[in-house]
Amino acid sequence: MRILIAALALMASACSPMTEQAPDASGPAQTSEAACAAQGGTLQRVGRMQSVQCVIAYADAGKRCTDGDQCLGDCLYDGAAAPGTNVSVGGQCAPTSNRFGCATRVEDGKADATLCID
């Protein structure tokens, strides 16, 4: 009988709510409005799931580039049709930190594969 009571007590304690841990402050979804504004950004709903993330506008948006190292964000191909991979191209510095949508990054003067993020 004591074993049955002990087993029931253990099962009941397993159903107790766990204490909540502090969220990871490094993730974009965890950023507060004040912390986002301090980085020069605004909280926006982005992507298919419309998650709230801090989107930062880059000061070098639209600057000509041939590599992401020349930009605050990514260097993006700006042509009308996506080139093949490894084709020599130029691009422009990304306007914001929002990576949703389709984009072709430019690295070392060459186009990467086009990536679409929902």
PDB file of N, CA and C in Angstrom:
ATOM      1  N   MET A   1       0.812  -1.192   0.000  1.00  0.00           N
ATOM      2  CA  MET A   1       0.000   0.000   0.000  1.00  0.00           C
ATOM      3  C   MET A   1       0.858   1.260   0.000  1.00  0.00           C
ATOM      4  N   ARG A   2       1.966   1.231   0.772  1.00  0.00           N
ATOM      5  CA  ARG A   2       2.867   2.390   0.822  1.00  0.00           C
ATOM      6  C   ARG A   2       3.506   2.634  -0.542  1.00  0.00           C
ATOM      7  N   ILE A   3       3.808   1.587  -1.241  1.00  0.00           N
ATOM      8  CA  ILE A   3       4.410   1.727  -2.569  1.00  0.00           C
ATOM      9  C   ILE A   3       3.412   2.386  -3.511  1.00  0.00           C
ATOM     10  N   LEU A   4       2.152   2.015  -3.432  1.00  0.00           N
ATOM     11  CA  LEU A   4       1.117   2.602  -4.280  1.00  0.00           C
ATOM     12  C   LEU A   4       0.969   4.094  -3.986  1.00  0.00           C
ATOM     13  N   ILE A   5       0.981   4.469  -2.714  1.00  0.00           N
ATOM     14  CA  ILE A   5       0.856   5.882  -2.335  1.00  0.00           C
ATOM     15  C   ILE A   5       2.075   6.662  -2.830  1.00  0.00           C
ATOM     16  N   ALA A   6       3.264   6.073  -2.680  1.00  0.00           N
ATOM     17  CA  ALA A   6       4.488   6.741  -3.138  1.00  0.00           C
ATOM     18  C   ALA A   6       4.457   6.926  -4.652  1.00  0.00           C
ATOM     19  N   ALA A   7       4.003   5.917  -5.372  1.00  0.00           N
ATOM     20  CA  ALA A   7       3.925   6.014  -6.831  1.00  0.00           C
ATOM     21  C   ALA A   7       2.931   7.087  -7.247  1.00  0.00           C
ATOM     22  N   LEU A   8       1.782   7.151  -6.582  1.00  0.00           N
ATOM     23  CA  LEU A   8       0.789   8.184  -6.895  1.00  0.00           C
ATOM     24  C   LEU A   8       1.337   9.579  -6.594  1.00  0.00           C
ATOM     25  N   ALA A   9       2.077   9.715  -5.514  1.00  0.00           N
ATOM     26  CA  ALA A   9       2.666  11.012  -5.161  1.00  0.00           C
ATOM     27  C   ALA A   9       3.675  11.449  -6.225  1.00  0.00           C
ATOM     28  N   LEU A  10       4.485  10.498  -6.700  1.00  0.00           N
ATOM     29  CA  LEU A  10       5.455  10.827  -7.755  1.00  0.00           C
ATOM     30  C   LEU A  10       4.763  11.227  -9.051  1.00  0.00           C
ATOM     31  N   MET A  11       3.711  10.536  -9.421  1.00  0.00           N
ATOM     32  CA  MET A  11       2.980  10.875 -10.646  1.00  0.00           C
ATOM     33  C   MET A  11       2.308  12.229 -10.518  1.00  0.00           C
ATOM     34  N   ALA A  12       1.770  12.539  -9.342  1.00  0.00           N
ATOM     35  CA  ALA A  12       1.124  13.833  -9.139  1.00  0.00           C
ATOM     36  C   ALA A  12       2.137  14.966  -9.228  1.00  0.00           C
ATOM     37  N   SER A  13       3.346  14.742  -8.703  1.00  0.00           N
ATOM     38  CA  SER A  13       4.361  15.802  -8.768  1.00  0.00           C
ATOM     39  C   SER A  13       4.840  16.008 -10.206  1.00  0.00           C
ATOM     40  N   ALA A  14       4.794  14.975 -11.017  1.00  0.00           N
ATOM     41  CA  ALA A  14       5.195  15.116 -12.421  1.00  0.00           C
ATOM     42  C   ALA A  14       4.217  15.975 -13.198  1.00  0.00           C
ATOM     43  N   CYS A  15       2.985  16.096 -12.735  1.00  0.00           N
ATOM     44  CA  CYS A  15       1.976  16.906 -13.412  1.00  0.00           C
ATOM     45  C   CYS A  15       1.984  18.347 -12.939  1.00  0.00           C
ATOM     46  N   SER A  16       2.815  18.678 -11.966  1.00  0.00           N
ATOM     47  CA  SER A  16       2.881  20.045 -11.464  1.00  0.00           C
ATOM     48  C   SER A  16       3.461  20.949 -12.538  1.00  0.00           C
ATOM     49  N   PRO A  17       2.977  22.197 -12.612  1.00  0.00           N
ATOM     50  CA  PRO A  17       3.527  23.100 -13.626  1.00  0.00           C
ATOM     51  C   PRO A  17       4.984  23.400 -13.338  1.00  0.00           C
ATOM     52  N   MET A  18       5.762  23.496 -14.406  1.00  0.00           N
ATOM     53  CA  MET A  18       7.176  23.824 -14.264  1.00  0.00           C
ATOM     54  C   MET A  18       7.320  25.325 -14.124  1.00  0.00           C
ATOM     55  N   THR A  19       8.380  25.745 -13.451  1.00  0.00           N
ATOM     56  CA  THR A  19       8.627  27.176 -13.352  1.00  0.00           C
ATOM     57  C   THR A  19       9.096  27.670 -14.708  1.00  0.00           C
ATOM     58  N   GLU A  20       8.667  28.850 -15.088  1.00  0.00           N
ATOM     59  CA  GLU A  20       9.001  29.399 -16.394  1.00  0.00           C
ATOM     60  C   GLU A  20      10.381  30.015 -16.366  1.00  0.00           C
ATOM     61  N   GLN A  21      11.173  29.723 -17.365  1.00  0.00           N
ATOM     62  CA  GLN A  21      12.504  30.295 -17.462  1.00  0.00           C
ATOM     63  C   GLN A  21      12.436  31.601 -18.232  1.00  0.00           C
ATOM     64  N   ALA A  22      13.406  32.450 -17.964  1.00  0.00           N
ATOM     65  CA  ALA A  22      13.468  33.725 -18.672  1.00  0.00           C
ATOM     66  C   ALA A  22      13.715  33.456 -20.153  1.00  0.00           C
ATOM     67  N   PRO A  23      13.068  34.200 -21.056  1.00  0.00           N
ATOM     68  CA  PRO A  23      13.293  33.994 -22.490  1.00  0.00           C
ATOM     69  C   PRO A  23      14.705  34.387 -22.875  1.00  0.00           C
ATOM     70  N   ASP A  24      15.183  33.798 -23.967  1.00  0.00           N
ATOM     71  CA  ASP A  24      16.493  34.119 -24.499  1.00  0.00           C
ATOM     72  C   ASP A  24      16.421  35.499 -25.137  1.00  0.00           C
ATOM     73  N   ALA A  25      17.115  36.454 -24.555  1.00  0.00           N
ATOM     74  CA  ALA A  25      17.038  37.840 -25.031  1.00  0.00           C
ATOM     75  C   ALA A  25      17.750  38.036 -26.365  1.00  0.00           C
ATOM     76  N   SER A  26      18.521  37.054 -26.815  1.00  0.00           N
ATOM     77  CA  SER A  26      19.268  37.242 -28.052  1.00  0.00           C
ATOM     78  C   SER A  26      18.422  37.010 -29.297  1.00  0.00           C
ATOM     79  N   GLY A  27      17.300  36.324 -29.173  1.00  0.00           N
ATOM     80  CA  GLY A  27      16.475  36.026 -30.330  1.00  0.00           C
ATOM     81  C   GLY A  27      15.664  37.218 -30.768  1.00  0.00           C
ATOM     82  N   PRO A  28      15.474  37.405 -32.091  1.00  0.00           N
ATOM     83  CA  PRO A  28      14.735  38.568 -32.571  1.00  0.00           C
ATOM     84  C   PRO A  28      13.298  38.607 -32.092  1.00  0.00           C
ATOM     85  N   ALA A  29      12.673  37.447 -31.903  1.00  0.00           N
ATOM     86  CA  ALA A  29      11.282  37.447 -31.460  1.00  0.00           C
ATOM     87  C   ALA A  29      11.154  37.875 -30.009  1.00  0.00           C
ATOM     88  N   GLN A  30      12.252  37.822 -29.245  1.00  0.00           N
ATOM     89  CA  GLN A  30      12.220  38.162 -27.833  1.00  0.00           C
ATOM     90  C   GLN A  30      12.575  39.629 -27.589  1.00  0.00           C
ATOM     91  N   THR A  31      12.896  40.368 -28.616  1.00  0.00           N
ATOM     92  CA  THR A  31      13.342  41.742 -28.474  1.00  0.00           C
ATOM     93  C   THR A  31      12.186  42.635 -28.065  1.00  0.00           C
ATOM     94  N   SER A  32      12.420  43.458 -27.055  1.00  0.00           N
ATOM     95  CA  SER A  32      11.405  44.404 -26.636  1.00  0.00           C
ATOM     96  C   SER A  32      11.402  45.596 -27.586  1.00  0.00           C
ATOM     97  N   GLU A  33      10.331  46.354 -27.541  1.00  0.00           N
ATOM     98  CA  GLU A  33      10.222  47.529 -28.407  1.00  0.00           C
ATOM     99  C   GLU A  33      11.328  48.529 -28.110  1.00  0.00           C
ATOM    100  N   ALA A  34      11.645  48.721 -26.817  1.00  0.00           N
ATOM    101  CA  ALA A  34      12.695  49.673 -26.433  1.00  0.00           C
ATOM    102  C   ALA A  34      14.058  49.206 -26.916  1.00  0.00           C
ATOM    103  N   ALA A  35      14.356  47.913 -26.769  1.00  0.00           N
ATOM    104  CA  ALA A  35      15.647  47.386 -27.216  1.00  0.00           C
ATOM    105  C   ALA A  35      15.764  47.481 -28.730  1.00  0.00           C
ATOM    106  N   CYS A  36      14.673  47.244 -29.426  1.00  0.00           N
ATOM    107  CA  CYS A  36      14.667  47.335 -30.885  1.00  0.00           C
ATOM    108  C   CYS A  36      14.907  48.780 -31.323  1.00  0.00           C
ATOM    109  N   ALA A  37      14.206  49.713 -30.692  1.00  0.00           N
ATOM    110  CA  ALA A  37      14.363  51.126 -31.031  1.00  0.00           C
ATOM    111  C   ALA A  37      15.784  51.602 -30.749  1.00  0.00           C
ATOM    112  N   ALA A  38      16.417  51.067 -29.703  1.00  0.00           N
ATOM    113  CA  ALA A  38      17.794  51.439 -29.368  1.00  0.00           C
ATOM    114  C   ALA A  38      18.763  51.022 -30.470  1.00  0.00           C
ATOM    115  N   GLN A  39      18.406  50.003 -31.242  1.00  0.00           N
ATOM    116  CA  GLN A  39      19.229  49.552 -32.368  1.00  0.00           C
ATOM    117  C   GLN A  39      18.848  50.271 -33.661  1.00  0.00           C
ATOM    118  N   GLY A  40      17.864  51.159 -33.583  1.00  0.00           N
ATOM    119  CA  GLY A  40      17.422  51.882 -34.768  1.00  0.00           C
ATOM    120  C   GLY A  40      16.359  51.143 -35.554  1.00  0.00           C
ATOM    121  N   GLY A  41      15.705  50.161 -34.940  1.00  0.00           N
ATOM    122  CA  GLY A  41      14.710  49.354 -35.630  1.00  0.00           C
ATOM    123  C   GLY A  41      13.298  49.592 -35.146  1.00  0.00           C
ATOM    124  N   THR A  42      12.377  48.877 -35.778  1.00  0.00           N
ATOM    125  CA  THR A  42      10.972  48.899 -35.368  1.00  0.00           C
ATOM    126  C   THR A  42      10.472  47.460 -35.334  1.00  0.00           C
ATOM    127  N   LEU A  43       9.568  47.178 -34.410  1.00  0.00           N
ATOM    128  CA  LEU A  43       8.972  45.853 -34.364  1.00  0.00           C
ATOM    129  C   LEU A  43       7.953  45.752 -35.490  1.00  0.00           C
ATOM    130  N   GLN A  44       8.080  44.698 -36.289  1.00  0.00           N
ATOM    131  CA  GLN A  44       7.178  44.505 -37.423  1.00  0.00           C
ATOM    132  C   GLN A  44       6.758  43.049 -37.494  1.00  0.00           C
ATOM    133  N   ARG A  45       5.561  42.815 -38.041  1.00  0.00           N
ATOM    134  CA  ARG A  45       5.105  41.453 -38.307  1.00  0.00           C
ATOM    135  C   ARG A  45       5.661  41.062 -39.673  1.00  0.00           C
ATOM    136  N   VAL A  46       6.415  39.962 -39.697  1.00  0.00           N
ATOM    137  CA  VAL A  46       7.075  39.552 -40.935  1.00  0.00           C
ATOM    138  C   VAL A  46       6.868  38.069 -41.194  1.00  0.00           C
ATOM    139  N   GLY A  47       7.009  37.688 -42.451  1.00  0.00           N
ATOM    140  CA  GLY A  47       6.925  36.288 -42.842  1.00  0.00           C
ATOM    141  C   GLY A  47       5.507  35.767 -42.900  1.00  0.00           C
ATOM    142  N   ARG A  48       5.401  34.543 -43.343  1.00  0.00           N
ATOM    143  CA  ARG A  48       4.101  33.885 -43.490  1.00  0.00           C
ATOM    144  C   ARG A  48       3.379  33.760 -42.145  1.00  0.00           C
ATOM    145  N   MET A  49       4.145  33.507 -41.084  1.00  0.00           N
ATOM    146  CA  MET A  49       3.558  33.350 -39.749  1.00  0.00           C
ATOM    147  C   MET A  49       3.303  34.689 -39.062  1.00  0.00           C
ATOM    148  N   GLN A  50       3.724  35.783 -39.704  1.00  0.00           N
ATOM    149  CA  GLN A  50       3.538  37.121 -39.156  1.00  0.00           C
ATOM    150  C   GLN A  50       4.091  37.245 -37.738  1.00  0.00           C
ATOM    151  N   SER A  51       5.287  36.692 -37.531  1.00  0.00           N
ATOM    152  CA  SER A  51       5.940  36.804 -36.229  1.00  0.00           C
ATOM    153  C   SER A  51       6.481  38.224 -36.076  1.00  0.00           C
ATOM    154  N   VAL A  52       6.501  38.691 -34.835  1.00  0.00           N
ATOM    155  CA  VAL A  52       6.994  40.041 -34.559  1.00  0.00           C
ATOM    156  C   VAL A  52       8.502  39.980 -34.391  1.00  0.00           C
ATOM    157  N   GLN A  53       9.212  40.764 -35.203  1.00  0.00           N
ATOM    158  CA  GLN A  53      10.664  40.821 -35.135  1.00  0.00           C
ATOM    159  C   GLN A  53      11.132  42.253 -35.259  1.00  0.00           C
ATOM    160  N   CYS A  54      12.320  42.497 -34.765  1.00  0.00           N
ATOM    161  CA  CYS A  54      12.936  43.819 -34.870  1.00  0.00           C
ATOM    162  C   CYS A  54      13.537  43.943 -36.274  1.00  0.00           C
ATOM    163  N   VAL A  55      13.070  44.899 -37.043  1.00  0.00           N
ATOM    164  CA  VAL A  55      13.576  45.124 -38.399  1.00  0.00           C
ATOM    165  C   VAL A  55      14.338  46.450 -38.385  1.00  0.00           C
ATOM    166  N   ILE A  56      15.605  46.371 -38.756  1.00  0.00           N
ATOM    167  CA  ILE A  56      16.477  47.538 -38.729  1.00  0.00           C
ATOM    168  C   ILE A  56      16.715  48.021 -40.152  1.00  0.00           C
ATOM    169  N   ALA A  57      16.512  49.322 -40.375  1.00  0.00           N
ATOM    170  CA  ALA A  57      16.797  49.930 -41.678  1.00  0.00           C
ATOM    171  C   ALA A  57      18.291  50.246 -41.723  1.00  0.00           C
ATOM    172  N   TYR A  58      18.960  49.839 -42.803  1.00  0.00           N
ATOM    173  CA  TYR A  58      20.395  50.050 -42.925  1.00  0.00           C
ATOM    174  C   TYR A  58      20.699  51.385 -43.589  1.00  0.00           C
ATOM    175  N   ALA A  59      21.692  52.084 -43.063  1.00  0.00           N
ATOM    176  CA  ALA A  59      22.080  53.394 -43.582  1.00  0.00           C
ATOM    177  C   ALA A  59      22.683  53.301 -44.980  1.00  0.00           C
ATOM    178  N   ASP A  60      23.265  52.143 -45.327  1.00  0.00           N
ATOM    179  CA  ASP A  60      23.902  52.015 -46.641  1.00  0.00           C
ATOM    180  C   ASP A  60      22.983  51.358 -47.681  1.00  0.00           C
ATOM    181  N   ALA A  61      21.696  51.330 -47.423  1.00  0.00           N
ATOM    182  CA  ALA A  61      20.727  50.715 -48.343  1.00  0.00           C
ATOM    183  C   ALA A  61      20.879  51.274 -49.751  1.00  0.00           C
ATOM    184  N   GLY A  62      20.949  50.378 -50.734  1.00  0.00           N
ATOM    185  CA  GLY A  62      21.025  50.786 -52.129  1.00  0.00           C
ATOM    186  C   GLY A  62      22.428  51.055 -52.642  1.00  0.00           C
ATOM    187  N   LYS A  63      23.442  51.058 -51.757  1.00  0.00           N
ATOM    188  CA  LYS A  63      24.825  51.276 -52.184  1.00  0.00           C
ATOM    189  C   LYS A  63      25.265  50.104 -53.058  1.00  0.00           C
ATOM    190  N   ARG A  64      25.983  50.387 -54.142  1.00  0.00           N
ATOM    191  CA  ARG A  64      26.485  49.338 -55.026  1.00  0.00           C
ATOM    192  C   ARG A  64      27.499  48.481 -54.276  1.00  0.00           C
ATOM    193  N   CYS A  65      27.471  47.171 -54.523  1.00  0.00           N
ATOM    194  CA  CYS A  65      28.369  46.251 -53.826  1.00  0.00           C
ATOM    195  C   CYS A  65      28.631  45.018 -54.679  1.00  0.00           C
ATOM    196  N   THR A  66      29.679  44.298 -54.304  1.00  0.00           N
ATOM    197  CA  THR A  66      29.982  43.016 -54.938  1.00  0.00           C
ATOM    198  C   THR A  66      30.173  41.923 -53.890  1.00  0.00           C
ATOM    199  N   ASP A  67      29.955  42.277 -52.593  1.00  0.00           N
ATOM    200  CA  ASP A  67      30.131  41.318 -51.508  1.00  0.00           C
ATOM    201  C   ASP A  67      29.418  41.832 -50.260  1.00  0.00           C
ATOM    202  N   GLY A  68      28.912  40.914 -49.456  1.00  0.00           N
ATOM    203  CA  GLY A  68      28.225  41.286 -48.228  1.00  0.00           C
ATOM    204  C   GLY A  68      29.102  42.013 -47.230  1.00  0.00           C
ATOM    205  N   ASP A  69      30.417  41.815 -47.308  1.00  0.00           N
ATOM    206  CA  ASP A  69      31.329  42.514 -46.398  1.00  0.00           C
ATOM    207  C   ASP A  69      31.340  44.022 -46.635  1.00  0.00           C
ATOM    208  N   GLN A  70      30.840  44.461 -47.778  1.00  0.00           N
ATOM    209  CA  GLN A  70      30.796  45.884 -48.101  1.00  0.00           C
ATOM    210  C   GLN A  70      29.523  46.553 -47.580  1.00  0.00           C
ATOM    211  N   CYS A  71      28.649  45.776 -46.941  1.00  0.00           N
ATOM    212  CA  CYS A  71      27.349  46.280 -46.502  1.00  0.00           C
ATOM    213  C   CYS A  71      27.125  46.011 -45.014  1.00  0.00           C
ATOM    214  N   LEU A  72      26.228  46.778 -44.425  1.00  0.00           N
ATOM    215  CA  LEU A  72      25.809  46.503 -43.053  1.00  0.00           C
ATOM    216  C   LEU A  72      24.992  45.208 -43.010  1.00  0.00           C
ATOM    217  N   GLY A  73      24.233  44.942 -44.061  1.00  0.00           N
ATOM    218  CA  GLY A  73      23.452  43.701 -44.181  1.00  0.00           C
ATOM    219  C   GLY A  73      24.027  42.870 -45.312  1.00  0.00           C
ATOM    220  N   ASP A  74      23.167  42.299 -46.126  1.00  0.00           N
ATOM    221  CA  ASP A  74      23.598  41.489 -47.265  1.00  0.00           C
ATOM    222  C   ASP A  74      23.761  42.347 -48.506  1.00  0.00           C
ATOM    223  N   CYS A  75      24.593  41.875 -49.428  1.00  0.00           N
ATOM    224  CA  CYS A  75      24.675  42.441 -50.771  1.00  0.00           C
ATOM    225  C   CYS A  75      23.734  41.593 -51.616  1.00  0.00           C
ATOM    226  N   LEU A  76      22.716  42.233 -52.215  1.00  0.00           N
ATOM    227  CA  LEU A  76      21.684  41.508 -52.941  1.00  0.00           C
ATOM    228  C   LEU A  76      21.710  41.847 -54.428  1.00  0.00           C
ATOM    229  N   TYR A  77      21.582  40.816 -55.260  1.00  0.00           N
ATOM    230  CA  TYR A  77      21.474  41.009 -56.700  1.00  0.00           C
ATOM    231  C   TYR A  77      20.219  41.816 -56.973  1.00  0.00           C
ATOM    232  N   ASP A  78      20.336  42.800 -57.851  1.00  0.00           N
ATOM    233  CA  ASP A  78      19.207  43.701 -58.094  1.00  0.00           C
ATOM    234  C   ASP A  78      18.690  43.652 -59.524  1.00  0.00           C
ATOM    235  N   GLY A  79      19.033  42.614 -60.261  1.00  0.00           N
ATOM    236  CA  GLY A  79      18.573  42.490 -61.641  1.00  0.00           C
ATOM    237  C   GLY A  79      17.131  42.026 -61.721  1.00  0.00           C
ATOM    238  N   ALA A  80      16.573  42.119 -62.916  1.00  0.00           N
ATOM    239  CA  ALA A  80      15.169  41.753 -63.122  1.00  0.00           C
ATOM    240  C   ALA A  80      14.947  40.247 -63.026  1.00  0.00           C
ATOM    241  N   ALA A  81      15.861  39.451 -63.575  1.00  0.00           N
ATOM    242  CA  ALA A  81      15.723  37.996 -63.531  1.00  0.00           C
ATOM    243  C   ALA A  81      16.907  37.415 -62.768  1.00  0.00           C
ATOM    244  N   ALA A  82      16.650  36.408 -61.957  1.00  0.00           N
ATOM    245  CA  ALA A  82      17.722  35.796 -61.172  1.00  0.00           C
ATOM    246  C   ALA A  82      18.765  35.166 -62.090  1.00  0.00           C
ATOM    247  N   PRO A  83      20.044  35.471 -61.847  1.00  0.00           N
ATOM    248  CA  PRO A  83      21.094  34.868 -62.668  1.00  0.00           C
ATOM    249  C   PRO A  83      21.355  33.438 -62.212  1.00  0.00           C
ATOM    250  N   GLY A  84      22.106  32.707 -62.985  1.00  0.00           N
ATOM    251  CA  GLY A  84      22.532  31.393 -62.521  1.00  0.00           C
ATOM    252  C   GLY A  84      23.539  31.554 -61.398  1.00  0.00           C
ATOM    253  N   THR A  85      23.766  30.497 -60.632  1.00  0.00           N
ATOM    254  CA  THR A  85      24.755  30.587 -59.557  1.00  0.00           C
ATOM    255  C   THR A  85      26.154  30.697 -60.140  1.00  0.00           C
ATOM    256  N   ASN A  86      27.000  31.380 -59.401  1.00  0.00           N
ATOM    257  CA  ASN A  86      28.401  31.567 -59.767  1.00  0.00           C
ATOM    258  C   ASN A  86      28.598  32.484 -60.959  1.00  0.00           C
ATOM    259  N   VAL A  87      27.595  33.258 -61.340  1.00  0.00           N
ATOM    260  CA  VAL A  87      27.696  34.223 -62.427  1.00  0.00           C
ATOM    261  C   VAL A  87      28.209  35.537 -61.836  1.00  0.00           C
ATOM    262  N   SER A  88      29.147  36.197 -62.503  1.00  0.00           N
ATOM    263  CA  SER A  88      29.672  37.473 -62.023  1.00  0.00           C
ATOM    264  C   SER A  88      28.595  38.547 -62.126  1.00  0.00           C
ATOM    265  N   VAL A  89      28.278  39.163 -60.991  1.00  0.00           N
ATOM    266  CA  VAL A  89      27.244  40.194 -60.941  1.00  0.00           C
ATOM    267  C   VAL A  89      27.615  41.225 -59.880  1.00  0.00           C
ATOM    268  N   GLY A  90      26.913  42.313 -59.912  1.00  0.00           N
ATOM    269  CA  GLY A  90      26.980  43.309 -58.854  1.00  0.00           C
ATOM    270  C   GLY A  90      25.643  43.332 -58.147  1.00  0.00           C
ATOM    271  N   GLY A  91      25.580  44.074 -57.090  1.00  0.00           N
ATOM    272  CA  GLY A  91      24.323  44.159 -56.358  1.00  0.00           C
ATOM    273  C   GLY A  91      24.197  45.462 -55.614  1.00  0.00           C
ATOM    274  N   GLN A  92      23.224  45.497 -54.718  1.00  0.00           N
ATOM    275  CA  GLN A  92      22.996  46.654 -53.857  1.00  0.00           C
ATOM    276  C   GLN A  92      22.875  46.165 -52.422  1.00  0.00           C
ATOM    277  N   CYS A  93      23.294  47.008 -51.485  1.00  0.00           N
ATOM    278  CA  CYS A  93      23.168  46.677 -50.070  1.00  0.00           C
ATOM    279  C   CYS A  93      21.685  46.613 -49.699  1.00  0.00           C
ATOM    280  N   ALA A  94      21.340  45.614 -48.911  1.00  0.00           N
ATOM    281  CA  ALA A  94      19.950  45.391 -48.495  1.00  0.00           C
ATOM    282  C   ALA A  94      19.401  46.601 -47.743  1.00  0.00           C
ATOM    283  N   PRO A  95      18.116  46.894 -47.935  1.00  0.00           N
ATOM    284  CA  PRO A  95      17.529  48.050 -47.265  1.00  0.00           C
ATOM    285  C   PRO A  95      17.282  47.832 -45.770  1.00  0.00           C
ATOM    286  N   THR A  96      16.956  46.588 -45.376  1.00  0.00           N
ATOM    287  CA  THR A  96      16.641  46.309 -43.978  1.00  0.00           C
ATOM    288  C   THR A  96      17.163  44.926 -43.578  1.00  0.00           C
ATOM    289  N   SER A  97      17.011  44.614 -42.312  1.00  0.00           N
ATOM    290  CA  SER A  97      17.408  43.298 -41.794  1.00  0.00           C
ATOM    291  C   SER A  97      16.342  42.241 -42.025  1.00  0.00           C
ATOM    292  N   ASN A  98      15.209  42.594 -42.606  1.00  0.00           N
ATOM    293  CA  ASN A  98      14.131  41.646 -42.887  1.00  0.00           C
ATOM    294  C   ASN A  98      14.571  40.710 -44.010  1.00  0.00           C
ATOM    295  N   ARG A  99      14.712  39.428 -43.704  1.00  0.00           N
ATOM    296  CA  ARG A  99      15.197  38.462 -44.690  1.00  0.00           C
ATOM    297  C   ARG A  99      14.072  37.661 -45.343  1.00  0.00           C
ATOM    298  N   PHE A 100      12.822  37.996 -45.055  1.00  0.00           N
ATOM    299  CA  PHE A 100      11.715  37.255 -45.658  1.00  0.00           C
ATOM    300  C   PHE A 100      11.519  37.683 -47.103  1.00  0.00           C
ATOM    301  N   GLY A 101      11.045  36.736 -47.919  1.00  0.00           N
ATOM    302  CA  GLY A 101      10.865  36.969 -49.338  1.00  0.00           C
ATOM    303  C   GLY A 101      11.958  36.250 -50.113  1.00  0.00           C
ATOM    304  N   CYS A 102      12.074  36.560 -51.386  1.00  0.00           N
ATOM    305  CA  CYS A 102      13.085  35.917 -52.234  1.00  0.00           C
ATOM    306  C   CYS A 102      14.219  36.899 -52.507  1.00  0.00           C
ATOM    307  N   ALA A 103      15.445  36.409 -52.417  1.00  0.00           N
ATOM    308  CA  ALA A 103      16.608  37.258 -52.662  1.00  0.00           C
ATOM    309  C   ALA A 103      17.773  36.403 -53.144  1.00  0.00           C
ATOM    310  N   THR A 104      18.637  37.027 -53.927  1.00  0.00           N
ATOM    311  CA  THR A 104      19.864  36.392 -54.403  1.00  0.00           C
ATOM    312  C   THR A 104      21.032  37.177 -53.821  1.00  0.00           C
ATOM    313  N   ARG A 105      21.767  36.569 -52.919  1.00  0.00           N
ATOM    314  CA  ARG A 105      22.921  37.232 -52.320  1.00  0.00           C
ATOM    315  C   ARG A 105      24.089  37.230 -53.297  1.00  0.00           C
ATOM    316  N   VAL A 106      24.917  38.268 -53.172  1.00  0.00           N
ATOM    317  CA  VAL A 106      26.130  38.379 -53.974  1.00  0.00           C
ATOM    318  C   VAL A 106      27.318  38.278 -53.018  1.00  0.00           C
ATOM    319  N   GLU A 107      28.215  37.337 -53.282  1.00  0.00           N
ATOM    320  CA  GLU A 107      29.427  37.138 -52.490  1.00  0.00           C
ATOM    321  C   GLU A 107      30.602  37.015 -53.441  1.00  0.00           C
ATOM    322  N   ASP A 108      31.658  37.744 -53.157  1.00  0.00           N
ATOM    323  CA  ASP A 108      32.871  37.726 -53.995  1.00  0.00           C
ATOM    324  C   ASP A 108      32.551  37.985 -55.466  1.00  0.00           C
ATOM    325  N   GLY A 109      31.590  38.879 -55.730  1.00  0.00           N
ATOM    326  CA  GLY A 109      31.239  39.247 -57.093  1.00  0.00           C
ATOM    327  C   GLY A 109      30.444  38.212 -57.854  1.00  0.00           C
ATOM    328  N   LYS A 110      30.003  37.161 -57.171  1.00  0.00           N
ATOM    329  CA  LYS A 110      29.250  36.084 -57.826  1.00  0.00           C
ATOM    330  C   LYS A 110      27.884  35.923 -57.156  1.00  0.00           C
ATOM    331  N   ALA A 111      26.898  35.551 -57.957  1.00  0.00           N
ATOM    332  CA  ALA A 111      25.548  35.329 -57.440  1.00  0.00           C
ATOM    333  C   ALA A 111      25.461  33.971 -56.758  1.00  0.00           C
ATOM    334  N   ASP A 112      24.862  33.944 -55.573  1.00  0.00           N
ATOM    335  CA  ASP A 112      24.522  32.685 -54.909  1.00  0.00           C
ATOM    336  C   ASP A 112      23.175  32.215 -55.448  1.00  0.00           C
ATOM    337  N   ALA A 113      22.731  31.081 -55.019  1.00  0.00           N
ATOM    338  CA  ALA A 113      21.392  30.603 -55.396  1.00  0.00           C
ATOM    339  C   ALA A 113      20.340  31.525 -54.784  1.00  0.00           C
ATOM    340  N   THR A 114      19.238  31.714 -55.496  1.00  0.00           N
ATOM    341  CA  THR A 114      18.141  32.510 -54.959  1.00  0.00           C
ATOM    342  C   THR A 114      17.480  31.726 -53.833  1.00  0.00           C
ATOM    343  N   LEU A 115      17.254  32.415 -52.719  1.00  0.00           N
ATOM    344  CA  LEU A 115      16.663  31.789 -51.546  1.00  0.00           C
ATOM    345  C   LEU A 115      15.371  32.508 -51.208  1.00  0.00           C
ATOM    346  N   CYS A 116      14.300  31.756 -51.022  1.00  0.00           N
ATOM    347  CA  CYS A 116      13.013  32.323 -50.632  1.00  0.00           C
ATOM    348  C   CYS A 116      12.697  31.867 -49.219  1.00  0.00           C
ATOM    349  N   ILE A 117      12.443  32.826 -48.332  1.00  0.00           N
ATOM    350  CA  ILE A 117      12.127  32.530 -46.935  1.00  0.00           C
ATOM    351  C   ILE A 117      10.710  32.994 -46.662  1.00  0.00           C
ATOM    352  N   ASP A 118       9.896  32.055 -46.202  1.00  0.00           N
ATOM    353  CA  ASP A 118       8.500  32.379 -45.871  1.00  0.00           C
ATOM    354  C   ASP A 118       8.440  32.851 -44.450  1.00  0.00           C
TER     355      ASP A 118
END
